[in-house]
PDB file of N, CA and C in Angstrom:
ATOM      1  N   MET A   1      94.733  98.242 109.297  1.00  0.00           N
ATOM      2  CA  MET A   1      94.417  98.383 107.882  1.00  0.00           C
ATOM      3  C   MET A   1      95.490  97.704 107.025  1.00  0.00           C
ATOM      4  N   PHE A   2      96.743  97.925 107.377  1.00  0.00           N
ATOM      5  CA  PHE A   2      97.833  97.331 106.616  1.00  0.00           C
ATOM      6  C   PHE A   2      98.463  96.220 107.450  1.00  0.00           C
ATOM      7  N   GLU A   3      98.382  94.989 106.930  1.00  0.00           N
ATOM      8  CA  GLU A   3      99.011  93.865 107.604  1.00  0.00           C
ATOM      9  C   GLU A   3     100.038  93.261 106.657  1.00  0.00           C
ATOM     10  N   LEU A   4     101.242  93.088 107.172  1.00  0.00           N
ATOM     11  CA  LEU A   4     102.322  92.547 106.360  1.00  0.00           C
ATOM     12  C   LEU A   4     102.802  91.242 106.966  1.00  0.00           C
ATOM     13  N   ASP A   5     103.270  90.350 106.108  1.00  0.00           N
ATOM     14  CA  ASP A   5     103.798  89.064 106.550  1.00  0.00           C
ATOM     15  C   ASP A   5     105.320  89.125 106.458  1.00  0.00           C
ATOM     16  N   VAL A   6     105.960  89.284 107.607  1.00  0.00           N
ATOM     17  CA  VAL A   6     107.419  89.411 107.615  1.00  0.00           C
ATOM     18  C   VAL A   6     108.119  88.114 107.232  1.00  0.00           C
ATOM     19  N   ARG A   7     107.389  86.988 107.270  1.00  0.00           N
ATOM     20  CA  ARG A   7     107.977  85.696 106.902  1.00  0.00           C
ATOM     21  C   ARG A   7     107.813  85.388 105.416  1.00  0.00           C
ATOM     22  N   SER A   8     107.077  86.216 104.724  1.00  0.00           N
ATOM     23  CA  SER A   8     106.830  85.991 103.304  1.00  0.00           C
ATOM     24  C   SER A   8     108.106  86.213 102.496  1.00  0.00           C
ATOM     25  N   ARG A   9     108.191  85.511 101.398  1.00  0.00           N
ATOM     26  CA  ARG A   9     109.325  85.713 100.481  1.00  0.00           C
ATOM     27  C   ARG A   9     109.142  86.983  99.665  1.00  0.00           C
ATOM     28  N   LYS A  10     107.912  87.468  99.622  1.00  0.00           N
ATOM     29  CA  LYS A  10     107.601  88.674  98.867  1.00  0.00           C
ATOM     30  C   LYS A  10     108.131  89.886  99.641  1.00  0.00           C
ATOM     31  N   PRO A  11     108.861  90.780  98.978  1.00  0.00           N
ATOM     32  CA  PRO A  11     109.398  91.960  99.667  1.00  0.00           C
ATOM     33  C   PRO A  11     108.280  92.787 100.314  1.00  0.00           C
ATOM     34  N   ILE A  12     108.615  93.427 101.421  1.00  0.00           N
ATOM     35  CA  ILE A  12     107.629  94.197 102.175  1.00  0.00           C
ATOM     36  C   ILE A  12     107.036  95.315 101.330  1.00  0.00           C
ATOM     37  N   TYR A  13     107.854  96.002 100.523  1.00  0.00           N
ATOM     38  CA  TYR A  13     107.312  97.097  99.719  1.00  0.00           C
ATOM     39  C   TYR A  13     106.289  96.578  98.711  1.00  0.00           C
ATOM     40  N   GLU A  14     106.480  95.361  98.197  1.00  0.00           N
ATOM     41  CA  GLU A  14     105.510  94.774  97.271  1.00  0.00           C
ATOM     42  C   GLU A  14     104.227  94.392  97.998  1.00  0.00           C
ATOM     43  N   GLN A  15     104.358  93.869  99.213  1.00  0.00           N
ATOM     44  CA  GLN A  15     103.181  93.541 100.007  1.00  0.00           C
ATOM     45  C   GLN A  15     102.356  94.798 100.273  1.00  0.00           C
ATOM     46  N   LEU A  16     103.029  95.872 100.642  1.00  0.00           N
ATOM     47  CA  LEU A  16     102.340  97.134 100.910  1.00  0.00           C
ATOM     48  C   LEU A  16     101.697  97.677  99.638  1.00  0.00           C
ATOM     49  N   ASN A  17     102.425  97.603  98.547  1.00  0.00           N
ATOM     50  CA  ASN A  17     101.920  98.034  97.242  1.00  0.00           C
ATOM     51  C   ASN A  17     100.636  97.273  96.909  1.00  0.00           C
ATOM     52  N   ASP A  18     100.666  95.957  97.044  1.00  0.00           N
ATOM     53  CA  ASP A  18      99.500  95.123  96.741  1.00  0.00           C
ATOM     54  C   ASP A  18      98.327  95.438  97.666  1.00  0.00           C
ATOM     55  N   LYS A  19      98.617  95.673  98.939  1.00  0.00           N
ATOM     56  CA  LYS A  19      97.558  95.949  99.916  1.00  0.00           C
ATOM     57  C   LYS A  19      96.867  97.278  99.602  1.00  0.00           C
ATOM     58  N   VAL A  20      97.632  98.296  99.258  1.00  0.00           N
ATOM     59  CA  VAL A  20      97.038  99.595  98.917  1.00  0.00           C
ATOM     60  C   VAL A  20      96.173  99.452  97.665  1.00  0.00           C
ATOM     61  N   LYS A  21      96.657  98.740  96.669  1.00  0.00           N
ATOM     62  CA  LYS A  21      95.868  98.512  95.455  1.00  0.00           C
ATOM     63  C   LYS A  21      94.565  97.794  95.790  1.00  0.00           C
ATOM     64  N   GLU A  22      94.653  96.777  96.637  1.00  0.00           N
ATOM     65  CA  GLU A  22      93.468  96.018  97.035  1.00  0.00           C
ATOM     66  C   GLU A  22      92.456  96.926  97.737  1.00  0.00           C
ATOM     67  N   LEU A  23      92.936  97.778  98.637  1.00  0.00           N
ATOM     68  CA  LEU A  23      92.043  98.688  99.353  1.00  0.00           C
ATOM     69  C   LEU A  23      91.388  99.695  98.400  1.00  0.00           C
ATOM     70  N   ILE A  24      92.121 100.126  97.394  1.00  0.00           N
ATOM     71  CA  ILE A  24      91.560 101.043  96.400  1.00  0.00           C
ATOM     72  C   ILE A  24      90.518 100.318  95.557  1.00  0.00           C
ATOM     73  N   MET A  25      90.851  99.119  95.094  1.00  0.00           N
ATOM     74  CA  MET A  25      89.937  98.365  94.223  1.00  0.00           C
ATOM     75  C   MET A  25      88.659  97.968  94.943  1.00  0.00           C
ATOM     76  N   HIS A  26      88.737  97.734  96.244  1.00  0.00           N
ATOM     77  CA  HIS A  26      87.553  97.343  97.008  1.00  0.00           C
ATOM     78  C   HIS A  26      86.785  98.564  97.524  1.00  0.00           C
ATOM     79  N   GLY A  27      87.254  99.760  97.178  1.00  0.00           N
ATOM     80  CA  GLY A  27      86.531 100.968  97.557  1.00  0.00           C
ATOM     81  C   GLY A  27      86.745 101.401  98.996  1.00  0.00           C
ATOM     82  N   ILE A  28      87.677 100.785  99.695  1.00  0.00           N
ATOM     83  CA  ILE A  28      87.954 101.181 101.078  1.00  0.00           C
ATOM     84  C   ILE A  28      88.720 102.492 101.085  1.00  0.00           C
ATOM     85  N   LEU A  29      89.685 102.612 100.196  1.00  0.00           N
ATOM     86  CA  LEU A  29      90.372 103.890  99.977  1.00  0.00           C
ATOM     87  C   LEU A  29      89.739 104.526  98.742  1.00  0.00           C
ATOM     88  N   ARG A  30      89.285 105.751  98.880  1.00  0.00           N
ATOM     89  CA  ARG A  30      88.560 106.426  97.795  1.00  0.00           C
ATOM     90  C   ARG A  30      89.405 107.541  97.185  1.00  0.00           C
ATOM     91  N   ALA A  31      88.999 107.973  96.002  1.00  0.00           N
ATOM     92  CA  ALA A  31      89.717 109.018  95.274  1.00  0.00           C
ATOM     93  C   ALA A  31      89.940 110.236  96.162  1.00  0.00           C
ATOM     94  N   ASP A  32      91.138 110.749  96.107  1.00  0.00           N
ATOM     95  CA  ASP A  32      91.584 111.949  96.829  1.00  0.00           C
ATOM     96  C   ASP A  32      91.676 111.758  98.346  1.00  0.00           C
ATOM     97  N   GLU A  33      91.533 110.519  98.818  1.00  0.00           N
ATOM     98  CA  GLU A  33      91.703 110.249 100.253  1.00  0.00           C
ATOM     99  C   GLU A  33      93.196 110.205 100.560  1.00  0.00           C
ATOM    100  N   GLN A  34      93.566 110.810 101.664  1.00  0.00           N
ATOM    101  CA  GLN A  34      94.979 110.868 102.026  1.00  0.00           C
ATOM    102  C   GLN A  34      95.436 109.554 102.638  1.00  0.00           C
ATOM    103  N   LEU A  35      96.608 109.105 102.214  1.00  0.00           N
ATOM    104  CA  LEU A  35      97.237 107.911 102.777  1.00  0.00           C
ATOM    105  C   LEU A  35      98.035 108.318 104.013  1.00  0.00           C
ATOM    106  N   PRO A  36      98.304 107.378 104.894  1.00  0.00           N
ATOM    107  CA  PRO A  36      99.151 107.706 106.047  1.00  0.00           C
ATOM    108  C   PRO A  36     100.522 108.186 105.570  1.00  0.00           C
ATOM    109  N   SER A  37     101.107 109.106 106.319  1.00  0.00           N
ATOM    110  CA  SER A  37     102.430 109.593 105.951  1.00  0.00           C
ATOM    111  C   SER A  37     103.447 108.465 106.043  1.00  0.00           C
ATOM    112  N   VAL A  38     104.547 108.643 105.359  1.00  0.00           N
ATOM    113  CA  VAL A  38     105.620 107.633 105.378  1.00  0.00           C
ATOM    114  C   VAL A  38     106.069 107.395 106.812  1.00  0.00           C
ATOM    115  N   ARG A  39     106.263 108.464 107.557  1.00  0.00           N
ATOM    116  CA  ARG A  39     106.738 108.347 108.936  1.00  0.00           C
ATOM    117  C   ARG A  39     105.723 107.620 109.820  1.00  0.00           C
ATOM    118  N   THR A  40     104.442 107.982 109.692  1.00  0.00           N
ATOM    119  CA  THR A  40     103.396 107.352 110.493  1.00  0.00           C
ATOM    120  C   THR A  40     103.288 105.861 110.185  1.00  0.00           C
ATOM    121  N   LEU A  41     103.214 105.533 108.899  1.00  0.00           N
ATOM    122  CA  LEU A  41     103.080 104.141 108.500  1.00  0.00           C
ATOM    123  C   LEU A  41     104.317 103.336 108.881  1.00  0.00           C
ATOM    124  N   SER A  42     105.474 103.962 108.762  1.00  0.00           N
ATOM    125  CA  SER A  42     106.723 103.310 109.137  1.00  0.00           C
ATOM    126  C   SER A  42     106.716 102.925 110.612  1.00  0.00           C
ATOM    127  N   SER A  43     106.246 103.819 111.452  1.00  0.00           N
ATOM    128  CA  SER A  43     106.228 103.510 112.884  1.00  0.00           C
ATOM    129  C   SER A  43     105.128 102.498 113.226  1.00  0.00           C
ATOM    130  N   GLN A  44     103.977 102.571 112.547  1.00  0.00           N
ATOM    131  CA  GLN A  44     102.898 101.614 112.798  1.00  0.00           C
ATOM    132  C   GLN A  44     103.308 100.193 112.429  1.00  0.00           C
ATOM    133  N   LEU A  45     103.995 100.071 111.291  1.00  0.00           N
ATOM    134  CA  LEU A  45     104.365  98.740 110.794  1.00  0.00           C
ATOM    135  C   LEU A  45     105.756  98.308 111.253  1.00  0.00           C
ATOM    136  N   THR A  46     106.466  99.196 111.939  1.00  0.00           N
ATOM    137  CA  THR A  46     107.863  98.979 112.323  1.00  0.00           C
ATOM    138  C   THR A  46     108.696  98.528 111.118  1.00  0.00           C
ATOM    139  N   VAL A  47     108.610  99.360 110.084  1.00  0.00           N
ATOM    140  CA  VAL A  47     109.317  99.112 108.830  1.00  0.00           C
ATOM    141  C   VAL A  47     110.141 100.355 108.522  1.00  0.00           C
ATOM    142  N   ASN A  48     111.273 100.161 107.892  1.00  0.00           N
ATOM    143  CA  ASN A  48     112.125 101.275 107.500  1.00  0.00           C
ATOM    144  C   ASN A  48     111.341 102.255 106.616  1.00  0.00           C
ATOM    145  N   PRO A  49     111.432 103.564 106.887  1.00  0.00           N
ATOM    146  CA  PRO A  49     110.717 104.558 106.069  1.00  0.00           C
ATOM    147  C   PRO A  49     111.052 104.471 104.581  1.00  0.00           C
ATOM    148  N   ASN A  50     112.281 104.058 104.251  1.00  0.00           N
ATOM    149  CA  ASN A  50     112.657 103.934 102.841  1.00  0.00           C
ATOM    150  C   ASN A  50     111.819 102.867 102.134  1.00  0.00           C
ATOM    151  N   THR A  51     111.424 101.829 102.874  1.00  0.00           N
ATOM    152  CA  THR A  51     110.583 100.767 102.309  1.00  0.00           C
ATOM    153  C   THR A  51     109.204 101.322 101.973  1.00  0.00           C
ATOM    154  N   ILE A  52     108.638 102.108 102.882  1.00  0.00           N
ATOM    155  CA  ILE A  52     107.330 102.726 102.657  1.00  0.00           C
ATOM    156  C   ILE A  52     107.424 103.684 101.472  1.00  0.00           C
ATOM    157  N   GLN A  53     108.487 104.476 101.455  1.00  0.00           N
ATOM    158  CA  GLN A  53     108.673 105.437 100.365  1.00  0.00           C
ATOM    159  C   GLN A  53     108.783 104.729  99.018  1.00  0.00           C
ATOM    160  N   LYS A  54     109.460 103.600  98.991  1.00  0.00           N
ATOM    161  CA  LYS A  54     109.603 102.833  97.746  1.00  0.00           C
ATOM    162  C   LYS A  54     108.244 102.341  97.264  1.00  0.00           C
ATOM    163  N   ALA A  55     107.417 101.848  98.174  1.00  0.00           N
ATOM    164  CA  ALA A  55     106.074 101.379  97.807  1.00  0.00           C
ATOM    165  C   ALA A  55     105.237 102.545  97.284  1.00  0.00           C
ATOM    166  N   TYR A  56     105.275 103.683  97.962  1.00  0.00           N
ATOM    167  CA  TYR A  56     104.515 104.854  97.531  1.00  0.00           C
ATOM    168  C   TYR A  56     104.991 105.340  96.155  1.00  0.00           C
ATOM    169  N   ARG A  57     106.304 105.330  95.934  1.00  0.00           N
ATOM    170  CA  ARG A  57     106.844 105.749  94.628  1.00  0.00           C
ATOM    171  C   ARG A  57     106.331 104.846  93.513  1.00  0.00           C
ATOM    172  N   GLU A  58     106.325 103.535  93.783  1.00  0.00           N
ATOM    173  CA  GLU A  58     105.859 102.563  92.790  1.00  0.00           C
ATOM    174  C   GLU A  58     104.366 102.765  92.511  1.00  0.00           C
ATOM    175  N   LEU A  59     103.576 102.970  93.562  1.00  0.00           N
ATOM    176  CA  LEU A  59     102.141 103.205  93.395  1.00  0.00           C
ATOM    177  C   LEU A  59     101.891 104.485  92.597  1.00  0.00           C
ATOM    178  N   GLU A  60     102.707 105.486  92.827  1.00  0.00           N
ATOM    179  CA  GLU A  60     102.566 106.742  92.078  1.00  0.00           C
ATOM    180  C   GLU A  60     102.941 106.533  90.613  1.00  0.00           C
ATOM    181  N   ARG A  61     103.999 105.783  90.382  1.00  0.00           N
ATOM    182  CA  ARG A  61     104.419 105.497  89.006  1.00  0.00           C
ATOM    183  C   ARG A  61     103.323 104.746  88.250  1.00  0.00           C
ATOM    184  N   GLU A  62     102.621 103.860  88.954  1.00  0.00           N
ATOM    185  CA  GLU A  62     101.554 103.067  88.329  1.00  0.00           C
ATOM    186  C   GLU A  62     100.236 103.836  88.228  1.00  0.00           C
ATOM    187  N   GLY A  63     100.168 105.028  88.830  1.00  0.00           N
ATOM    188  CA  GLY A  63      98.977 105.859  88.712  1.00  0.00           C
ATOM    189  C   GLY A  63      97.909 105.608  89.766  1.00  0.00           C
ATOM    190  N   TYR A  64      98.223 104.862  90.803  1.00  0.00           N
ATOM    191  CA  TYR A  64      97.244 104.594  91.854  1.00  0.00           C
ATOM    192  C   TYR A  64      97.168 105.724  92.876  1.00  0.00           C
ATOM    193  N   ILE A  65      98.282 106.424  93.077  1.00  0.00           N
ATOM    194  CA  ILE A  65      98.293 107.531  94.027  1.00  0.00           C
ATOM    195  C   ILE A  65      99.012 108.717  93.398  1.00  0.00           C
ATOM    196  N   TYR A  66      98.872 109.868  94.031  1.00  0.00           N
ATOM    197  CA  TYR A  66      99.627 111.050  93.633  1.00  0.00           C
ATOM    198  C   TYR A  66     100.107 111.745  94.899  1.00  0.00           C
ATOM    199  N   SER A  67     101.157 112.508  94.778  1.00  0.00           N
ATOM    200  CA  SER A  67     101.734 113.200  95.933  1.00  0.00           C
ATOM    201  C   SER A  67     101.669 114.699  95.727  1.00  0.00           C
ATOM    202  N   LEU A  68     101.455 115.406  96.816  1.00  0.00           N
ATOM    203  CA  LEU A  68     101.508 116.863  96.821  1.00  0.00           C
ATOM    204  C   LEU A  68     102.604 117.277  97.790  1.00  0.00           C
ATOM    205  N   GLN A  69     103.516 118.096  97.306  1.00  0.00           N
ATOM    206  CA  GLN A  69     104.658 118.525  98.103  1.00  0.00           C
ATOM    207  C   GLN A  69     104.183 119.136  99.427  1.00  0.00           C
ATOM    208  N   GLY A  70     104.664 118.597 100.527  1.00  0.00           N
ATOM    209  CA  GLY A  70     104.347 119.121 101.835  1.00  0.00           C
ATOM    210  C   GLY A  70     102.983 118.707 102.378  1.00  0.00           C
ATOM    211  N   LYS A  71     102.197 118.001 101.598  1.00  0.00           N
ATOM    212  CA  LYS A  71     100.855 117.601 102.045  1.00  0.00           C
ATOM    213  C   LYS A  71     100.712 116.091 102.188  1.00  0.00           C
ATOM    214  N   GLY A  72     101.434 115.317 101.386  1.00  0.00           N
ATOM    215  CA  GLY A  72     101.370 113.870 101.503  1.00  0.00           C
ATOM    216  C   GLY A  72     100.945 113.178 100.229  1.00  0.00           C
ATOM    217  N   SER A  73     100.541 111.927 100.379  1.00  0.00           N
ATOM    218  CA  SER A  73     100.127 111.090  99.249  1.00  0.00           C
ATOM    219  C   SER A  73      98.631 110.841  99.328  1.00  0.00           C
ATOM    220  N   PHE A  74      97.989 110.807  98.145  1.00  0.00           N
ATOM    221  CA  PHE A  74      96.548 110.679  98.051  1.00  0.00           C
ATOM    222  C   PHE A  74      96.186 109.646  96.994  1.00  0.00           C
ATOM    223  N   VAL A  75      95.004 109.049  97.134  1.00  0.00           N
ATOM    224  CA  VAL A  75      94.515 108.092  96.148  1.00  0.00           C
ATOM    225  C   VAL A  75      94.147 108.859  94.886  1.00  0.00           C
ATOM    226  N   ALA A  76      94.648 108.402  93.753  1.00  0.00           N
ATOM    227  CA  ALA A  76      94.383 109.068  92.480  1.00  0.00           C
ATOM    228  C   ALA A  76      92.976 108.742  91.986  1.00  0.00           C
ATOM    229  N   PRO A  77      92.269 109.751  91.478  1.00  0.00           N
ATOM    230  CA  PRO A  77      90.953 109.463  90.884  1.00  0.00           C
ATOM    231  C   PRO A  77      91.122 108.656  89.605  1.00  0.00           C
ATOM    232  N   LEU A  78      90.113 107.860  89.294  1.00  0.00           N
ATOM    233  CA  LEU A  78      90.138 107.021  88.100  1.00  0.00           C
ATOM    234  C   LEU A  78      90.046 107.903  86.869  1.00  0.00           C
ATOM    235  N   GLN A  79      90.998 107.755  85.961  1.00  0.00           N
ATOM    236  CA  GLN A  79      91.007 108.531  84.724  1.00  0.00           C
ATOM    237  C   GLN A  79      90.961 107.556  83.565  1.00  0.00           C
ATOM    238  N   GLN A  80      89.856 107.565  82.837  1.00  0.00           N
ATOM    239  CA  GLN A  80      89.596 106.566  81.804  1.00  0.00           C
ATOM    240  C   GLN A  80      90.707 106.475  80.763  1.00  0.00           C
ATOM    241  N   GLY A  81      91.122 107.577  80.187  1.00  0.00           N
ATOM    242  CA  GLY A  81      92.133 107.545  79.135  1.00  0.00           C
ATOM    243  C   GLY A  81      93.451 106.969  79.613  1.00  0.00           C
ATOM    244  N   GLN A  82      93.831 107.334  80.816  1.00  0.00           N
ATOM    245  CA  GLN A  82      95.099 106.884  81.379  1.00  0.00           C
ATOM    246  C   GLN A  82      95.080 105.377  81.649  1.00  0.00           C
ATOM    247  N   ASN A  83      93.912 104.836  81.917  1.00  0.00           N
ATOM    248  CA  ASN A  83      93.817 103.434  82.303  1.00  0.00           C
ATOM    249  C   ASN A  83      93.615 102.480  81.138  1.00  0.00           C
ATOM    250  N   GLU A  84      93.513 102.973  79.912  1.00  0.00           N
ATOM    251  CA  GLU A  84      93.276 102.092  78.768  1.00  0.00           C
ATOM    252  C   GLU A  84      94.397 101.071  78.586  1.00  0.00           C
ATOM    253  N   SER A  85      95.638 101.493  78.756  1.00  0.00           N
ATOM    254  CA  SER A  85      96.737 100.536  78.596  1.00  0.00           C
ATOM    255  C   SER A  85      96.715  99.501  79.720  1.00  0.00           C
ATOM    256  N   LYS A  86      96.349  99.933  80.940  1.00  0.00           N
ATOM    257  CA  LYS A  86      96.229  98.980  82.046  1.00  0.00           C
ATOM    258  C   LYS A  86      95.104  97.996  81.771  1.00  0.00           C
ATOM    259  N   ARG A  87      93.995  98.498  81.241  1.00  0.00           N
ATOM    260  CA  ARG A  87      92.860  97.628  80.930  1.00  0.00           C
ATOM    261  C   ARG A  87      93.243  96.596  79.877  1.00  0.00           C
ATOM    262  N   ALA A  88      93.987  97.028  78.868  1.00  0.00           N
ATOM    263  CA  ALA A  88      94.400  96.098  77.812  1.00  0.00           C
ATOM    264  C   ALA A  88      95.306  95.007  78.388  1.00  0.00           C
ATOM    265  N   GLY A  89      96.242  95.403  79.245  1.00  0.00           N
ATOM    266  CA  GLY A  89      97.125  94.420  79.868  1.00  0.00           C
ATOM    267  C   GLY A  89      96.369  93.470  80.779  1.00  0.00           C
ATOM    268  N   LEU A  90      95.435  94.016  81.522  1.00  0.00           N
ATOM    269  CA  LEU A  90      94.633  93.188  82.419  1.00  0.00           C
ATOM    270  C   LEU A  90      93.729  92.244  81.639  1.00  0.00           C
ATOM    271  N   ARG A  91      93.208  92.721  80.528  1.00  0.00           N
ATOM    272  CA  ARG A  91      92.364  91.875  79.670  1.00  0.00           C
ATOM    273  C   ARG A  91      93.151  90.650  79.208  1.00  0.00           C
ATOM    274  N   GLU A  92      94.392  90.874  78.798  1.00  0.00           N
ATOM    275  CA  GLU A  92      95.249  89.760  78.354  1.00  0.00           C
ATOM    276  C   GLU A  92      95.516  88.788  79.501  1.00  0.00           C
ATOM    277  N   GLU A  93      95.796  89.331  80.676  1.00  0.00           N
ATOM    278  CA  GLU A  93      96.065  88.476  81.833  1.00  0.00           C
ATOM    279  C   GLU A  93      94.811  87.688  82.228  1.00  0.00           C
ATOM    280  N   LEU A  94      93.651  88.345  82.188  1.00  0.00           N
ATOM    281  CA  LEU A  94      92.400  87.654  82.505  1.00  0.00           C
ATOM    282  C   LEU A  94      92.117  86.529  81.518  1.00  0.00           C
ATOM    283  N   LEU A  95      92.374  86.775  80.243  1.00  0.00           N
ATOM    284  CA  LEU A  95      92.174  85.723  79.244  1.00  0.00           C
ATOM    285  C   LEU A  95      93.062  84.520  79.531  1.00  0.00           C
ATOM    286  N   ARG A  96      94.286  84.788  79.896  1.00  0.00           N
ATOM    287  CA  ARG A  96      95.213  83.708  80.224  1.00  0.00           C
ATOM    288  C   ARG A  96      94.728  82.943  81.457  1.00  0.00           C
ATOM    289  N   LEU A  97      94.330  83.696  82.500  1.00  0.00           N
ATOM    290  CA  LEU A  97      93.850  83.052  83.727  1.00  0.00           C
ATOM    291  C   LEU A  97      92.549  82.284  83.499  1.00  0.00           C
ATOM    292  N   MET A  98      91.663  82.836  82.694  1.00  0.00           N
ATOM    293  CA  MET A  98      90.396  82.152  82.429  1.00  0.00           C
ATOM    294  C   MET A  98      90.616  80.895  81.606  1.00  0.00           C
ATOM    295  N   ALA A  99      91.569  80.944  80.664  1.00  0.00           N
ATOM    296  CA  ALA A  99      91.884  79.743  79.887  1.00  0.00           C
ATOM    297  C   ALA A  99      92.405  78.650  80.818  1.00  0.00           C
ATOM    298  N   GLU A 100      93.231  79.046  81.784  1.00  0.00           N
ATOM    299  CA  GLU A 100      93.744  78.075  82.750  1.00  0.00           C
ATOM    300  C   GLU A 100      92.610  77.546  83.630  1.00  0.00           C
ATOM    301  N   ALA A 101      91.691  78.441  84.040  1.00  0.00           N
ATOM    302  CA  ALA A 101      90.553  78.021  84.865  1.00  0.00           C
ATOM    303  C   ALA A 101      89.681  77.015  84.121  1.00  0.00           C
ATOM    304  N   VAL A 102      89.430  77.274  82.841  1.00  0.00           N
ATOM    305  CA  VAL A 102      88.624  76.351  82.033  1.00  0.00           C
ATOM    306  C   VAL A 102      89.348  75.013  81.916  1.00  0.00           C
ATOM    307  N   TYR A 103      90.641  75.060  81.695  1.00  0.00           N
ATOM    308  CA  TYR A 103      91.435  73.842  81.604  1.00  0.00           C
ATOM    309  C   TYR A 103      91.336  73.024  82.900  1.00  0.00           C
ATOM    310  N   LEU A 104      91.298  73.735  84.054  1.00  0.00           N
ATOM    311  CA  LEU A 104      91.227  73.062  85.349  1.00  0.00           C
ATOM    312  C   LEU A 104      89.809  72.663  85.737  1.00  0.00           C
ATOM    313  N   GLY A 105      88.841  72.964  84.873  1.00  0.00           N
ATOM    314  CA  GLY A 105      87.487  72.485  85.110  1.00  0.00           C
ATOM    315  C   GLY A 105      86.496  73.485  85.667  1.00  0.00           C
ATOM    316  N   PHE A 106      86.865  74.763  85.747  1.00  0.00           N
ATOM    317  CA  PHE A 106      85.903  75.766  86.202  1.00  0.00           C
ATOM    318  C   PHE A 106      84.782  75.881  85.171  1.00  0.00           C
ATOM    319  N   THR A 107      83.563  76.039  85.676  1.00  0.00           N
ATOM    320  CA  THR A 107      82.416  76.221  84.778  1.00  0.00           C
ATOM    321  C   THR A 107      82.143  77.713  84.617  1.00  0.00           C
ATOM    322  N   ALA A 108      81.309  78.042  83.635  1.00  0.00           N
ATOM    323  CA  ALA A 108      80.924  79.438  83.430  1.00  0.00           C
ATOM    324  C   ALA A 108      80.212  79.968  84.672  1.00  0.00           C
ATOM    325  N   ASN A 109      79.410  79.124  85.314  1.00  0.00           N
ATOM    326  CA  ASN A 109      78.708  79.542  86.533  1.00  0.00           C
ATOM    327  C   ASN A 109      79.690  79.852  87.663  1.00  0.00           C
ATOM    328  N   GLU A 110      80.721  79.041  87.808  1.00  0.00           N
ATOM    329  CA  GLU A 110      81.715  79.280  88.863  1.00  0.00           C
ATOM    330  C   GLU A 110      82.483  80.575  88.612  1.00  0.00           C
ATOM    331  N   ILE A 111      82.847  80.809  87.369  1.00  0.00           N
ATOM    332  CA  ILE A 111      83.570  82.038  87.030  1.00  0.00           C
ATOM    333  C   ILE A 111      82.661  83.247  87.248  1.00  0.00           C
ATOM    334  N   GLY A 112      81.400  83.120  86.853  1.00  0.00           N
ATOM    335  CA  GLY A 112      80.435  84.199  87.090  1.00  0.00           C
ATOM    336  C   GLY A 112      80.240  84.469  88.575  1.00  0.00           C
ATOM    337  N   ALA A 113      80.219  83.401  89.372  1.00  0.00           N
ATOM    338  CA  ALA A 113      80.059  83.548  90.822  1.00  0.00           C
ATOM    339  C   ALA A 113      81.245  84.303  91.419  1.00  0.00           C
ATOM    340  N   LEU A 114      82.438  84.036  90.917  1.00  0.00           N
ATOM    341  CA  LEU A 114      83.624  84.756  91.393  1.00  0.00           C
ATOM    342  C   LEU A 114      83.520  86.240  91.061  1.00  0.00           C
ATOM    343  N   TYR A 115      83.051  86.539  89.860  1.00  0.00           N
ATOM    344  CA  TYR A 115      82.870  87.941  89.448  1.00  0.00           C
ATOM    345  C   TYR A 115      81.849  88.630  90.371  1.00  0.00           C
ATOM    346  N   ARG A 116      80.741  87.967  90.634  1.00  0.00           N
ATOM    347  CA  ARG A 116      79.711  88.535  91.516  1.00  0.00           C
ATOM    348  C   ARG A 116      80.250  88.719  92.939  1.00  0.00           C
ATOM    349  N   GLN A 117      81.102  87.801  93.385  1.00  0.00           N
ATOM    350  CA  GLN A 117      81.705  87.905  94.713  1.00  0.00           C
ATOM    351  C   GLN A 117      82.560  89.172  94.812  1.00  0.00           C
ATOM    352  N   VAL A 118      83.316  89.458  93.781  1.00  0.00           N
ATOM    353  CA  VAL A 118      84.145  90.666  93.771  1.00  0.00           C
ATOM    354  C   VAL A 118      83.259  91.908  93.813  1.00  0.00           C
ATOM    355  N   LEU A 119      82.171  91.905  93.046  1.00  0.00           N
ATOM    356  CA  LEU A 119      81.251  93.046  93.060  1.00  0.00           C
ATOM    357  C   LEU A 119      80.643  93.251  94.442  1.00  0.00           C
ATOM    358  N   GLU A 120      80.239  92.168  95.091  1.00  0.00           N
ATOM    359  CA  GLU A 120      79.656  92.254  96.432  1.00  0.00           C
ATOM    360  C   GLU A 120      80.673  92.790  97.441  1.00  0.00           C
ATOM    361  N   GLN A 121      81.908  92.318  97.358  1.00  0.00           N
ATOM    362  CA  GLN A 121      82.945  92.786  98.267  1.00  0.00           C
ATOM    363  C   GLN A 121      83.184  94.281  98.076  1.00  0.00           C
ATOM    364  N   ARG A 122      83.175  94.718  96.830  1.00  0.00           N
ATOM    365  CA  ARG A 122      83.389  96.139  96.553  1.00  0.00           C
ATOM    366  C   ARG A 122      82.254  96.981  97.122  1.00  0.00           C
ATOM    367  N   GLU A 123      81.031  96.495  96.964  1.00  0.00           N
ATOM    368  CA  GLU A 123      79.864  97.232  97.485  1.00  0.00           C
ATOM    369  C   GLU A 123      79.898  97.309  99.013  1.00  0.00           C
ATOM    370  N   LYS A 124      80.361  96.247  99.658  1.00  0.00           N
ATOM    371  CA  LYS A 124      80.417  96.217 101.113  1.00  0.00           C
ATOM    372  C   LYS A 124      81.642  96.985 101.631  1.00  0.00           C
ATOM    373  N   GLY A 125      82.591  97.273 100.737  1.00  0.00           N
ATOM    374  CA  GLY A 125      83.811  97.965 101.164  1.00  0.00           C
ATOM    375  C   GLY A 125      84.785  97.063 101.861  1.00  0.00           C
ATOM    376  N   GLU A 126      84.784  95.784 101.508  1.00  0.00           N
ATOM    377  CA  GLU A 126      85.710  94.819 102.133  1.00  0.00           C
ATOM    378  C   GLU A 126      87.061  94.872 101.471  1.00  0.00           C
TER     379      GLU A 126
END
């Protein structure tokens, strides 16, 4: 489920952070689903437990997961009010990326096809 590139310049905790977000966004990890424990994931990935803990802390700070003392970490349910600031930031980033895509020659059909591809992947749980 979690694959990391040890040769990447990107820190391992960031790779793990991105992978968990991707799994949540694609519907593979669902609300209130328990994540592997720090110790379990650390041994599976042969990564220092502090690295896993750092990724989990960051995900919790960003609102993607929550922790229960003595029980572990879980995927946070989507809360509309809490996500408004994230949506606003993402909207700005999307506008910037779309402006760049238009500059590079992407058509409205190509951009729409990418959007539909994301929807299909989410429905399939990829």
